[in-house]
């Protein structure tokens, strides 16, 4: 094996180039940006925040750009602010530090765009953009609409459920069981009626026979 001092200058340069390329390839990874917000609808004069989270890469050595797109500028992006890694901030011509600021949370890999005292002109779609090692990535965009009043949602209609009627089933009358106390007087009364009826029939027959005998002995002629 050759000693490093015995290697030619071309060999040393080639070896150094391989080391640099290897370090560059392992140090730079693909990354992406994901944007979120608290609410797309915000009241006039209120404050809002938009978040831009970087995936697969740390943001401690990276700056972030924020751009705005409106219906009037649909064909281009309007530069809002740039936040340097040393917290140096540069604003676009139509924006200032009075209402706009940028924060970073390295442990969450998240940039935050803060806008206070919102105006109607702040409505639009905001994009974060990061450039790292010659690679550029844009976020998916955050929509912001400044409104004077928030839309009201209709209260859900509640239907009262009727409780099932717990009605008692009609009871079938139980058969009347007559005791001897009831039957005895009835039987006695019926027996008396039979006796009276028999006496009446017998007496009527006697009267009828006597009447016939009388008319036989004393005819009307």
Protein backbone atom coordinates (compact mmCIF):
# COMPACT_ATOMS: atom_id res chain seq x y z
CA UNK A 1 0.00 0.00 0.00
CA UNK A 2 1.31 3.43 -0.94
CA UNK A 3 2.01 6.02 1.68
CA UNK A 4 -0.06 9.22 1.26
CA UNK A 5 3.14 11.13 0.48
CA UNK A 6 3.81 8.82 -2.48
CA UNK A 7 0.40 9.54 -4.12
CA UNK A 8 0.32 11.84 -7.14
CA UNK A 9 -1.53 15.20 -7.00
CA UNK A 10 -4.15 13.87 -9.43
CA UNK A 11 -4.86 10.91 -7.17
CA UNK A 12 -5.24 13.18 -4.14
CA UNK A 13 -7.66 15.48 -5.99
CA UNK A 14 -9.70 12.51 -7.21
CA UNK A 15 -9.90 11.07 -3.69
CA UNK A 16 -10.93 14.44 -2.26
CA UNK A 17 -13.63 14.79 -4.93
CA UNK A 18 -15.05 11.37 -4.05
CA UNK A 19 -15.15 12.29 -0.35
CA UNK A 20 -16.96 15.59 -1.09
CA UNK A 21 -19.50 13.89 -3.36
CA UNK A 22 -20.15 11.17 -0.78
CA UNK A 23 -20.63 13.72 1.99
CA UNK A 24 -22.92 15.83 -0.21
CA UNK A 25 -25.07 12.86 -1.16
CA UNK A 26 -25.54 11.67 2.41
CA UNK A 27 -26.06 15.13 3.91
CA UNK A 28 -28.82 16.37 1.61
CA UNK A 29 -32.12 14.52 1.75
CA UNK A 30 -35.40 15.09 -0.01
CA UNK A 31 -37.78 17.25 1.99
CA UNK A 32 -41.32 18.59 1.74
CA UNK A 33 -43.42 21.33 3.33
CA UNK A 34 -46.87 20.88 4.87
CA UNK A 35 -49.00 23.93 5.71
CA UNK A 36 -51.81 24.21 8.24
CA UNK A 37 -53.76 26.99 9.95
CA UNK A 38 -56.10 27.51 12.87
CA UNK A 39 -59.06 28.59 10.73
CA UNK A 40 -59.56 29.70 7.10
CA UNK A 41 -62.18 32.27 8.20
CA UNK A 42 -60.99 35.02 10.54
CA UNK A 43 -62.81 38.12 11.70
CA UNK A 44 -61.72 41.60 10.73
CA UNK A 45 -59.22 43.18 13.17
CA UNK A 46 -58.43 39.76 14.67
CA UNK A 47 -55.07 37.90 14.58
CA UNK A 48 -54.16 34.67 12.81
CA UNK A 49 -51.27 32.22 12.45
CA UNK A 50 -50.18 29.94 9.60
CA UNK A 51 -47.83 27.01 10.05
CA UNK A 52 -45.29 25.52 7.66
CA UNK A 53 -43.76 22.22 8.80
CA UNK A 54 -40.70 20.76 7.09
CA UNK A 55 -40.54 16.99 6.69
CA UNK A 56 -37.33 14.91 6.61
CA UNK A 57 -35.09 17.89 7.30
CA UNK A 58 -34.14 20.17 10.19
CA UNK A 59 -34.85 23.89 9.88
CA UNK A 60 -32.14 25.16 12.22
CA UNK A 61 -29.91 26.14 9.26
CA UNK A 62 -32.65 27.06 6.79
CA UNK A 63 -34.49 30.30 6.02
CA UNK A 64 -38.08 30.54 4.82
CA UNK A 65 -39.91 32.68 2.27
CA UNK A 66 -43.62 33.51 2.45
CA UNK A 67 -45.63 34.46 -0.63
CA UNK A 68 -49.23 35.52 -1.16
CA UNK A 69 -51.59 34.87 -4.06
CA UNK A 70 -54.95 36.58 -4.62
CA UNK A 71 -57.60 36.50 -7.32
CA UNK A 72 -56.15 39.75 -8.68
CA UNK A 73 -52.65 38.25 -8.84
CA UNK A 74 -53.54 34.69 -9.81
CA UNK A 75 -50.74 34.50 -12.36
CA UNK A 76 -47.98 35.47 -9.92
CA UNK A 77 -46.91 35.26 -6.29
CA UNK A 78 -46.53 38.38 -4.18
CA UNK A 79 -43.48 38.40 -1.91
CA UNK A 80 -44.47 38.89 1.74
CA UNK A 81 -41.46 38.23 3.96
CA UNK A 82 -38.18 36.31 4.23
CA UNK A 83 -36.86 35.02 7.56
CA UNK A 84 -33.12 34.30 7.67
CA UNK A 85 -31.55 31.66 9.91
CA UNK A 86 -30.11 34.47 12.05
CA UNK A 87 -33.64 35.87 12.56
CA UNK A 88 -32.97 38.63 10.07
CA UNK A 89 -36.27 39.49 8.39
CA UNK A 90 -36.83 41.20 5.06
CA UNK A 91 -40.31 42.36 4.02
CA UNK A 92 -41.97 42.90 0.68
CA UNK A 93 -42.79 46.39 -0.52
CA UNK A 94 -46.45 46.16 0.61
CA UNK A 95 -45.79 44.56 4.01
CA UNK A 96 -44.11 45.62 7.25
CA UNK A 97 -43.26 44.47 10.75
CA UNK A 98 -46.20 46.42 12.19
CA UNK A 99 -48.60 43.56 11.49
CA UNK A 100 -46.50 40.67 10.16
CA UNK A 101 -43.88 38.55 11.93
CA UNK A 102 -42.23 35.16 11.45
CA UNK A 103 -41.30 32.66 14.15
CA UNK A 104 -39.58 29.28 14.07
CA UNK A 105 -39.74 26.24 16.32
CA UNK A 106 -36.69 24.10 15.65
CA UNK A 107 -37.84 21.17 17.79
CA UNK A 108 -41.04 20.95 15.71
CA UNK A 109 -39.39 21.90 12.39
CA UNK A 110 -42.12 24.50 11.94
CA UNK A 111 -42.17 28.08 10.63
CA UNK A 112 -45.05 30.32 11.73
CA UNK A 113 -46.37 33.35 9.87
CA UNK A 114 -48.26 35.70 12.20
CA UNK A 115 -50.58 38.46 11.01
CA UNK A 116 -52.32 40.75 13.47
CA UNK A 117 -55.06 43.36 13.13
CA UNK A 118 -56.34 41.70 9.97
CA UNK A 119 -57.68 43.70 7.05
CA UNK A 120 -59.83 42.62 4.11
CA UNK A 121 -56.81 43.00 1.83
CA UNK A 122 -55.04 40.22 3.77
CA UNK A 123 -57.36 37.63 2.23
CA UNK A 124 -55.65 35.22 -0.15
CA UNK A 125 -53.61 32.02 -0.31
CA UNK A 126 -50.24 32.04 1.44
CA UNK A 127 -47.34 29.78 0.44
CA UNK A 128 -44.13 29.04 2.32
CA UNK A 129 -41.00 28.27 0.30
CA UNK A 130 -37.65 26.83 1.36
CA UNK A 131 -34.40 26.57 -0.58
CA UNK A 132 -31.82 24.10 0.66
CA UNK A 133 -28.70 22.84 -1.14
CA UNK A 134 -30.00 23.96 -4.50
CA UNK A 135 -33.41 22.34 -3.97
CA UNK A 136 -36.60 24.40 -3.76
CA UNK A 137 -39.86 23.27 -2.17
CA UNK A 138 -43.22 25.03 -1.81
CA UNK A 139 -45.92 24.31 0.73
CA UNK A 140 -49.42 23.22 -0.22
CA UNK A 141 -50.82 26.68 0.52
CA UNK A 142 -52.96 28.13 3.31
CA UNK A 143 -56.21 29.91 2.49
CA UNK A 144 -57.17 32.98 4.52
CA UNK A 145 -60.45 34.86 4.21
CA UNK A 146 -61.07 37.91 6.36
CA UNK A 147 -64.78 38.41 7.08
CA UNK A 148 -66.81 40.91 9.05
CA UNK A 149 -69.06 38.28 10.63
CA UNK A 150 -68.70 34.54 10.87
CA UNK A 151 -71.45 32.45 9.26
CA UNK A 152 -73.92 31.02 11.71
CA UNK A 153 -74.90 27.41 11.54
CA UNK A 154 -78.52 26.49 12.03
CA UNK A 155 -79.25 24.80 15.31
CA UNK A 156 -79.97 21.12 14.86
CA UNK A 157 -83.64 20.27 15.10
CA UNK A 158 -84.42 17.95 17.93
CA UNK A 159 -87.37 15.62 17.76
CA UNK A 160 -88.90 14.52 21.01
CA UNK A 161 -89.52 10.85 21.10
CA UNK A 162 -92.82 9.83 22.55
CA UNK A 163 -92.62 7.27 25.24
CA UNK A 164 -94.53 4.12 24.45
CA UNK A 165 -97.85 4.00 26.22
CA UNK A 166 -97.79 1.45 28.96
CA UNK A 167 -101.48 0.68 28.83
CA UNK A 168 -102.87 -2.13 30.90
CA UNK A 169 -104.49 -4.88 28.95
CA UNK A 170 -108.21 -5.22 29.63
CA UNK A 171 -108.71 -8.03 31.99
CA UNK A 172 -111.21 -10.67 31.02
CA UNK A 173 -113.90 -10.93 33.66
CA UNK A 174 -113.52 -13.99 35.72
CA UNK A 175 -116.54 -16.27 35.79
CA UNK A 176 -118.87 -15.55 38.67
CA UNK A 177 -118.96 -18.39 41.05
CA UNK A 178 -122.25 -18.28 42.96
CA UNK A 179 -122.07 -19.61 46.42
CA UNK A 180 -124.76 -21.48 48.30
CA UNK A 181 -125.68 -18.25 50.06
CA UNK A 182 -126.91 -16.85 46.73
CA UNK A 183 -128.49 -20.01 45.34
CA UNK A 184 -130.49 -21.00 48.44
CA UNK A 185 -132.87 -17.98 48.48
CA UNK A 186 -133.33 -18.19 44.72
CA UNK A 187 -134.21 -21.87 44.90
CA UNK A 188 -136.66 -21.24 47.74
CA UNK A 189 -138.33 -18.41 45.85
CA UNK A 190 -138.66 -20.57 42.74
CA UNK A 191 -140.18 -23.39 44.79
CA UNK A 192 -142.77 -21.03 46.27
CA UNK A 193 -143.67 -19.81 42.78
CA UNK A 194 -144.16 -23.40 41.62
CA UNK A 195 -146.40 -24.17 44.61
CA UNK A 196 -148.48 -21.01 44.12
CA UNK A 197 -148.79 -21.75 40.43
CA UNK A 198 -149.90 -25.34 41.17
CA UNK A 199 -152.50 -24.19 43.70
CA UNK A 200 -153.79 -21.57 41.27
CA UNK A 201 -154.13 -24.10 38.45
CA UNK A 202 -155.91 -26.59 40.75
CA UNK A 203 -158.29 -23.93 42.04
CA UNK A 204 -159.04 -22.76 38.51
CA UNK A 205 -159.89 -26.31 37.43
CA UNK A 206 -162.30 -26.70 40.35
CA UNK A 207 -164.09 -23.47 39.49
CA UNK A 208 -164.35 -24.56 35.87
CA UNK A 209 -165.85 -27.95 36.82
CA UNK A 210 -168.40 -26.40 39.20
CA UNK A 211 -169.42 -23.93 36.53
CA UNK A 212 -170.03 -26.72 34.02
CA UNK A 213 -172.09 -28.73 36.57
CA UNK A 214 -174.17 -25.67 37.37
CA UNK A 215 -175.07 -25.01 33.75
CA UNK A 216 -175.91 -28.66 33.23
CA UNK A 217 -178.39 -28.63 36.11
CA UNK A 218 -179.78 -25.24 35.23
CA UNK A 219 -179.77 -24.81 31.51
CA UNK A 220 -180.44 -21.34 30.19
CA UNK A 221 -183.59 -22.43 28.25
